[in-house]
């Protein structure tokens, strides 16, 4: 009877070691995934470090305000992909190619 108990304890110890090793492998994969995502965002935005964090935070805030005002993610995506916005920019001499979403009197994104 004692032999079986010792054998079972050894099996439990081996399983616990295997679980710890698997969790360590999982942690390393998660860290690699985070680094890959960071590298992709750095390439997409052309920014690094705090500048990247600030740009993504600003984008997230704007999207939150747009969804709070009733827009769907699909509508926001269409707005972002709208090529007519680029055509409008070319005819605006005062903006140097930039579009202002604000008319100076009010902020349409204010909640």
N, C-alpha and C. Protein backbone atom coordinates (compact mmCIF):
# COMPACT_ATOMS: atom_id res chain seq x y z
N UNK A 1 0.82 -1.18 0.00
CA UNK A 1 0.00 0.00 0.00
C UNK A 1 0.87 1.25 0.00
N UNK A 2 1.97 1.25 0.79
CA UNK A 2 2.83 2.42 0.87
C UNK A 2 3.53 2.71 -0.46
N UNK A 3 3.84 1.67 -1.19
CA UNK A 3 4.49 1.84 -2.48
C UNK A 3 3.61 2.62 -3.45
N UNK A 4 2.34 2.35 -3.43
CA UNK A 4 1.40 3.04 -4.31
C UNK A 4 1.28 4.51 -3.95
N UNK A 5 1.26 4.82 -2.68
CA UNK A 5 1.17 6.20 -2.23
C UNK A 5 2.41 6.99 -2.65
N UNK A 6 3.58 6.41 -2.49
CA UNK A 6 4.83 7.06 -2.91
C UNK A 6 4.88 7.25 -4.42
N UNK A 7 4.42 6.24 -5.14
CA UNK A 7 4.38 6.34 -6.60
C UNK A 7 3.44 7.46 -7.05
N UNK A 8 2.28 7.52 -6.41
CA UNK A 8 1.32 8.57 -6.76
C UNK A 8 1.87 9.96 -6.43
N UNK A 9 2.57 10.09 -5.32
CA UNK A 9 3.14 11.38 -4.97
C UNK A 9 4.21 11.79 -6.00
N UNK A 10 4.99 10.84 -6.46
CA UNK A 10 6.00 11.12 -7.49
C UNK A 10 5.31 11.56 -8.79
N UNK A 11 4.21 10.91 -9.14
CA UNK A 11 3.46 11.30 -10.33
C UNK A 11 2.91 12.71 -10.20
N UNK A 12 2.38 13.03 -9.02
CA UNK A 12 1.86 14.38 -8.76
C UNK A 12 2.98 15.40 -8.90
N UNK A 13 4.14 15.12 -8.33
CA UNK A 13 5.28 16.03 -8.42
C UNK A 13 5.70 16.25 -9.87
N UNK A 14 5.71 15.17 -10.66
CA UNK A 14 6.07 15.29 -12.07
C UNK A 14 5.06 16.13 -12.85
N UNK A 15 3.79 15.93 -12.56
CA UNK A 15 2.75 16.71 -13.23
C UNK A 15 2.87 18.19 -12.86
N UNK A 16 3.14 18.49 -11.58
CA UNK A 16 3.30 19.88 -11.15
C UNK A 16 4.49 20.53 -11.85
N UNK A 17 5.58 19.79 -12.01
CA UNK A 17 6.74 20.31 -12.74
C UNK A 17 6.38 20.59 -14.19
N UNK A 18 5.64 19.68 -14.79
CA UNK A 18 5.23 19.85 -16.18
C UNK A 18 4.32 21.06 -16.34
N UNK A 19 3.42 21.26 -15.38
CA UNK A 19 2.52 22.41 -15.42
C UNK A 19 3.31 23.70 -15.30
N UNK A 20 4.27 23.76 -14.37
CA UNK A 20 5.11 24.95 -14.22
C UNK A 20 5.88 25.24 -15.50
N UNK A 21 6.42 24.20 -16.12
CA UNK A 21 7.17 24.37 -17.37
C UNK A 21 6.25 24.86 -18.49
N UNK A 22 5.04 24.31 -18.56
CA UNK A 22 4.08 24.74 -19.59
C UNK A 22 3.67 26.19 -19.37
N UNK A 23 3.45 26.58 -18.12
CA UNK A 23 3.09 27.97 -17.83
C UNK A 23 4.22 28.93 -18.19
N UNK A 24 5.45 28.51 -17.99
CA UNK A 24 6.59 29.34 -18.36
C UNK A 24 6.67 29.49 -19.88
N UNK A 25 6.43 28.40 -20.60
CA UNK A 25 6.40 28.47 -22.07
C UNK A 25 5.28 29.38 -22.54
N UNK A 26 4.12 29.30 -21.88
CA UNK A 26 2.98 30.15 -22.22
C UNK A 26 3.33 31.61 -21.99
N UNK A 27 3.99 31.92 -20.87
CA UNK A 27 4.39 33.29 -20.58
C UNK A 27 5.32 33.83 -21.65
N UNK A 28 6.28 33.01 -22.08
CA UNK A 28 7.23 33.44 -23.12
C UNK A 28 6.51 33.70 -24.44
N UNK A 29 5.56 32.86 -24.79
CA UNK A 29 4.81 33.05 -26.04
C UNK A 29 3.97 34.32 -25.97
N UNK A 30 3.37 34.59 -24.82
CA UNK A 30 2.59 35.82 -24.65
C UNK A 30 3.49 37.04 -24.81
N UNK A 31 4.66 37.00 -24.23
CA UNK A 31 5.60 38.12 -24.35
C UNK A 31 6.04 38.32 -25.80
N UNK A 32 6.27 37.21 -26.52
CA UNK A 32 6.62 37.31 -27.93
C UNK A 32 5.48 37.92 -28.73
N UNK A 33 4.26 37.51 -28.43
CA UNK A 33 3.08 38.05 -29.12
C UNK A 33 2.94 39.55 -28.87
N UNK A 34 3.18 39.97 -27.65
CA UNK A 34 3.11 41.40 -27.33
C UNK A 34 4.17 42.18 -28.11
N UNK A 35 5.36 41.62 -28.22
CA UNK A 35 6.43 42.29 -28.96
C UNK A 35 6.09 42.37 -30.45
N UNK A 36 5.51 41.31 -30.99
CA UNK A 36 5.10 41.32 -32.40
C UNK A 36 4.03 42.38 -32.63
N UNK A 37 3.04 42.46 -31.74
CA UNK A 37 1.99 43.47 -31.87
C UNK A 37 2.57 44.88 -31.78
N UNK A 38 3.50 45.09 -30.84
CA UNK A 38 4.14 46.39 -30.70
C UNK A 38 4.90 46.75 -31.98
N UNK A 39 5.63 45.80 -32.53
CA UNK A 39 6.39 46.05 -33.75
C UNK A 39 5.45 46.38 -34.92
N UNK A 40 4.32 45.69 -35.00
CA UNK A 40 3.36 45.97 -36.06
C UNK A 40 2.77 47.38 -35.91
N UNK A 41 2.43 47.77 -34.69
CA UNK A 41 1.89 49.11 -34.45
C UNK A 41 2.94 50.18 -34.71
N UNK A 42 4.19 49.90 -34.34
CA UNK A 42 5.27 50.84 -34.60
C UNK A 42 5.41 51.08 -36.10
N UNK A 43 5.33 50.00 -36.87
CA UNK A 43 5.43 50.12 -38.33
C UNK A 43 4.21 50.85 -38.90
N UNK A 44 3.03 50.53 -38.41
CA UNK A 44 1.80 51.13 -38.91
C UNK A 44 1.75 52.63 -38.65
N UNK A 45 2.07 53.04 -37.42
CA UNK A 45 1.97 54.44 -37.03
C UNK A 45 3.26 55.22 -37.29
N UNK A 46 4.38 54.54 -37.44
CA UNK A 46 5.65 55.22 -37.62
C UNK A 46 6.12 55.90 -36.35
N UNK A 47 5.66 55.42 -35.21
CA UNK A 47 6.01 56.01 -33.92
C UNK A 47 6.51 54.92 -32.99
N UNK A 48 7.19 55.34 -31.93
CA UNK A 48 7.65 54.39 -30.92
C UNK A 48 7.41 54.96 -29.53
N UNK A 49 7.46 54.09 -28.55
CA UNK A 49 7.41 54.50 -27.15
C UNK A 49 6.17 55.29 -26.80
N UNK A 50 6.37 56.37 -26.06
CA UNK A 50 5.26 57.18 -25.56
C UNK A 50 4.47 57.82 -26.70
N UNK A 51 5.15 58.19 -27.79
CA UNK A 51 4.43 58.77 -28.93
C UNK A 51 3.42 57.78 -29.49
N UNK A 52 3.80 56.51 -29.56
CA UNK A 52 2.89 55.47 -30.04
C UNK A 52 1.72 55.31 -29.08
N UNK A 53 2.00 55.27 -27.80
CA UNK A 53 0.94 55.14 -26.79
C UNK A 53 -0.02 56.32 -26.90
N UNK A 54 0.50 57.53 -27.04
CA UNK A 54 -0.35 58.72 -27.14
C UNK A 54 -1.23 58.68 -28.39
N UNK A 55 -0.67 58.27 -29.53
CA UNK A 55 -1.44 58.20 -30.77
C UNK A 55 -2.57 57.18 -30.66
N UNK A 56 -2.27 56.01 -30.11
CA UNK A 56 -3.29 54.97 -29.98
C UNK A 56 -4.35 55.38 -28.96
N UNK A 57 -3.93 56.04 -27.89
CA UNK A 57 -4.88 56.52 -26.90
C UNK A 57 -5.82 57.56 -27.51
N UNK A 58 -5.28 58.48 -28.29
CA UNK A 58 -6.11 59.49 -28.95
C UNK A 58 -7.10 58.83 -29.91
N UNK A 59 -6.64 57.85 -30.67
CA UNK A 59 -7.51 57.15 -31.60
C UNK A 59 -8.62 56.40 -30.85
N UNK A 60 -8.25 55.75 -29.77
CA UNK A 60 -9.23 55.01 -28.96
C UNK A 60 -10.27 55.97 -28.38
N UNK A 61 -9.82 57.11 -27.90
CA UNK A 61 -10.73 58.10 -27.33
C UNK A 61 -11.70 58.60 -28.38
N UNK A 62 -11.20 58.89 -29.57
CA UNK A 62 -12.07 59.36 -30.66
C UNK A 62 -13.09 58.30 -31.03
N UNK A 63 -12.65 57.05 -31.15
CA UNK A 63 -13.58 55.97 -31.49
C UNK A 63 -14.63 55.80 -30.39
N UNK A 64 -14.24 55.94 -29.14
CA UNK A 64 -15.20 55.84 -28.02
C UNK A 64 -16.25 56.94 -28.12
N UNK A 65 -15.82 58.14 -28.45
CA UNK A 65 -16.77 59.26 -28.58
C UNK A 65 -17.71 59.04 -29.76
N UNK A 66 -17.17 58.53 -30.87
CA UNK A 66 -18.01 58.27 -32.03
C UNK A 66 -19.04 57.18 -31.75
N UNK A 67 -18.63 56.12 -31.07
CA UNK A 67 -19.58 55.06 -30.75
C UNK A 67 -20.60 55.54 -29.72
N UNK A 68 -20.17 56.39 -28.80
CA UNK A 68 -21.11 56.94 -27.82
C UNK A 68 -22.15 57.83 -28.49
N UNK A 69 -21.78 58.44 -29.62
CA UNK A 69 -22.73 59.29 -30.33
C UNK A 69 -23.65 58.49 -31.25
N UNK A 70 -23.46 57.17 -31.30
CA UNK A 70 -24.36 56.32 -32.06
C UNK A 70 -23.77 55.68 -33.29
N UNK A 71 -22.54 55.97 -33.63
CA UNK A 71 -21.93 55.37 -34.81
C UNK A 71 -21.53 53.92 -34.51
N UNK A 72 -21.63 53.09 -35.53
CA UNK A 72 -21.17 51.71 -35.41
C UNK A 72 -19.70 51.65 -35.83
N UNK A 73 -19.04 50.56 -35.48
CA UNK A 73 -17.65 50.37 -35.89
C UNK A 73 -17.54 50.32 -37.41
N UNK A 74 -18.56 49.76 -38.06
CA UNK A 74 -18.56 49.70 -39.52
C UNK A 74 -18.62 51.11 -40.11
N UNK A 75 -19.45 51.98 -39.55
CA UNK A 75 -19.53 53.36 -40.03
C UNK A 75 -18.22 54.11 -39.79
N UNK A 76 -17.62 53.86 -38.65
CA UNK A 76 -16.33 54.51 -38.35
C UNK A 76 -15.28 54.03 -39.34
N UNK A 77 -15.28 52.74 -39.64
CA UNK A 77 -14.34 52.21 -40.62
C UNK A 77 -14.56 52.82 -42.00
N UNK A 78 -15.82 52.98 -42.38
CA UNK A 78 -16.12 53.62 -43.67
C UNK A 78 -15.64 55.07 -43.68
N UNK A 79 -15.82 55.75 -42.57
CA UNK A 79 -15.37 57.13 -42.46
C UNK A 79 -13.84 57.21 -42.59
N UNK A 80 -13.16 56.29 -41.97
CA UNK A 80 -11.70 56.28 -42.04
C UNK A 80 -11.21 55.91 -43.43
N UNK A 81 -11.95 55.06 -44.13
CA UNK A 81 -11.54 54.60 -45.47
C UNK A 81 -12.06 55.49 -46.59
N UNK A 82 -12.86 56.50 -46.26
CA UNK A 82 -13.50 57.33 -47.26
C UNK A 82 -12.45 58.09 -48.08
N UNK A 83 -12.32 57.72 -49.34
CA UNK A 83 -11.33 58.37 -50.20
C UNK A 83 -11.77 59.76 -50.60
N UNK A 84 -13.06 60.10 -50.49
CA UNK A 84 -13.52 61.44 -50.84
C UNK A 84 -12.96 62.48 -49.89
N UNK A 85 -12.59 62.07 -48.68
CA UNK A 85 -11.97 63.02 -47.74
C UNK A 85 -10.63 63.49 -48.29
N UNK A 86 -9.90 62.62 -48.95
CA UNK A 86 -8.64 63.00 -49.54
C UNK A 86 -8.84 63.96 -50.71
N UNK A 87 -9.91 63.76 -51.49
CA UNK A 87 -10.18 64.65 -52.60
C UNK A 87 -10.55 66.03 -52.10
N UNK A 88 -11.30 66.11 -50.99
CA UNK A 88 -11.66 67.40 -50.41
C UNK A 88 -10.44 68.15 -49.94
N UNK A 89 -9.45 67.46 -49.45
CA UNK A 89 -8.24 68.10 -48.94
C UNK A 89 -7.51 68.87 -50.01
N UNK A 90 -7.52 68.37 -51.23
CA UNK A 90 -6.76 68.98 -52.31
C UNK A 90 -7.33 70.33 -52.71
N UNK A 91 -8.63 70.55 -52.48
CA UNK A 91 -9.24 71.81 -52.89
C UNK A 91 -9.20 72.86 -51.78
N UNK A 92 -8.73 72.53 -50.61
CA UNK A 92 -8.70 73.45 -49.48
C UNK A 92 -7.32 74.09 -49.38
N UNK A 93 -7.19 75.32 -49.89
CA UNK A 93 -5.89 75.99 -49.91
C UNK A 93 -5.41 76.40 -48.54
N UNK A 94 -6.32 76.72 -47.63
CA UNK A 94 -5.93 77.22 -46.31
C UNK A 94 -5.45 76.11 -45.38
N UNK A 95 -5.81 74.87 -45.65
CA UNK A 95 -5.51 73.79 -44.71
C UNK A 95 -4.21 73.06 -45.01
N UNK A 96 -3.55 73.39 -46.10
CA UNK A 96 -2.30 72.71 -46.46
C UNK A 96 -2.48 71.20 -46.51
N UNK A 97 -3.61 70.75 -47.09
CA UNK A 97 -3.82 69.32 -47.25
C UNK A 97 -4.42 68.64 -46.05
N UNK A 98 -4.78 69.38 -45.01
CA UNK A 98 -5.40 68.78 -43.84
C UNK A 98 -6.86 69.17 -43.77
N UNK A 99 -7.65 68.28 -43.27
CA UNK A 99 -9.08 68.53 -43.12
C UNK A 99 -9.38 68.82 -41.66
N UNK A 100 -10.17 69.85 -41.43
CA UNK A 100 -10.61 70.14 -40.08
C UNK A 100 -12.03 69.64 -39.92
N UNK A 101 -12.27 68.84 -38.90
CA UNK A 101 -13.61 68.35 -38.64
C UNK A 101 -14.38 69.33 -37.76
N UNK A 102 -13.74 70.37 -37.33
CA UNK A 102 -14.36 71.33 -36.43
C UNK A 102 -14.60 72.63 -37.17
N UNK A 103 -15.78 73.23 -36.95
CA UNK A 103 -16.09 74.48 -37.64
C UNK A 103 -15.64 75.70 -36.84
N UNK A 104 -14.98 75.49 -35.74
CA UNK A 104 -14.50 76.60 -34.93
C UNK A 104 -15.48 77.01 -33.85
N UNK A 105 -16.76 76.70 -34.03
CA UNK A 105 -17.77 77.10 -33.07
C UNK A 105 -18.10 76.00 -32.07
N UNK A 106 -18.02 74.77 -32.51
CA UNK A 106 -18.38 73.67 -31.60
C UNK A 106 -17.54 72.45 -31.92
N UNK A 107 -17.48 71.57 -30.97
CA UNK A 107 -16.75 70.31 -31.12
C UNK A 107 -17.80 69.22 -31.33
N UNK A 108 -17.91 68.66 -32.54
CA UNK A 108 -18.94 67.65 -32.79
C UNK A 108 -18.69 66.34 -32.05
N UNK A 109 -17.49 66.16 -31.51
CA UNK A 109 -17.18 64.93 -30.79
C UNK A 109 -17.42 65.06 -29.30
N UNK A 110 -17.74 66.25 -28.84
CA UNK A 110 -17.96 66.45 -27.41
C UNK A 110 -19.17 65.62 -26.97
N UNK A 111 -19.05 65.03 -25.81
CA UNK A 111 -20.13 64.17 -25.31
C UNK A 111 -21.07 64.99 -24.47
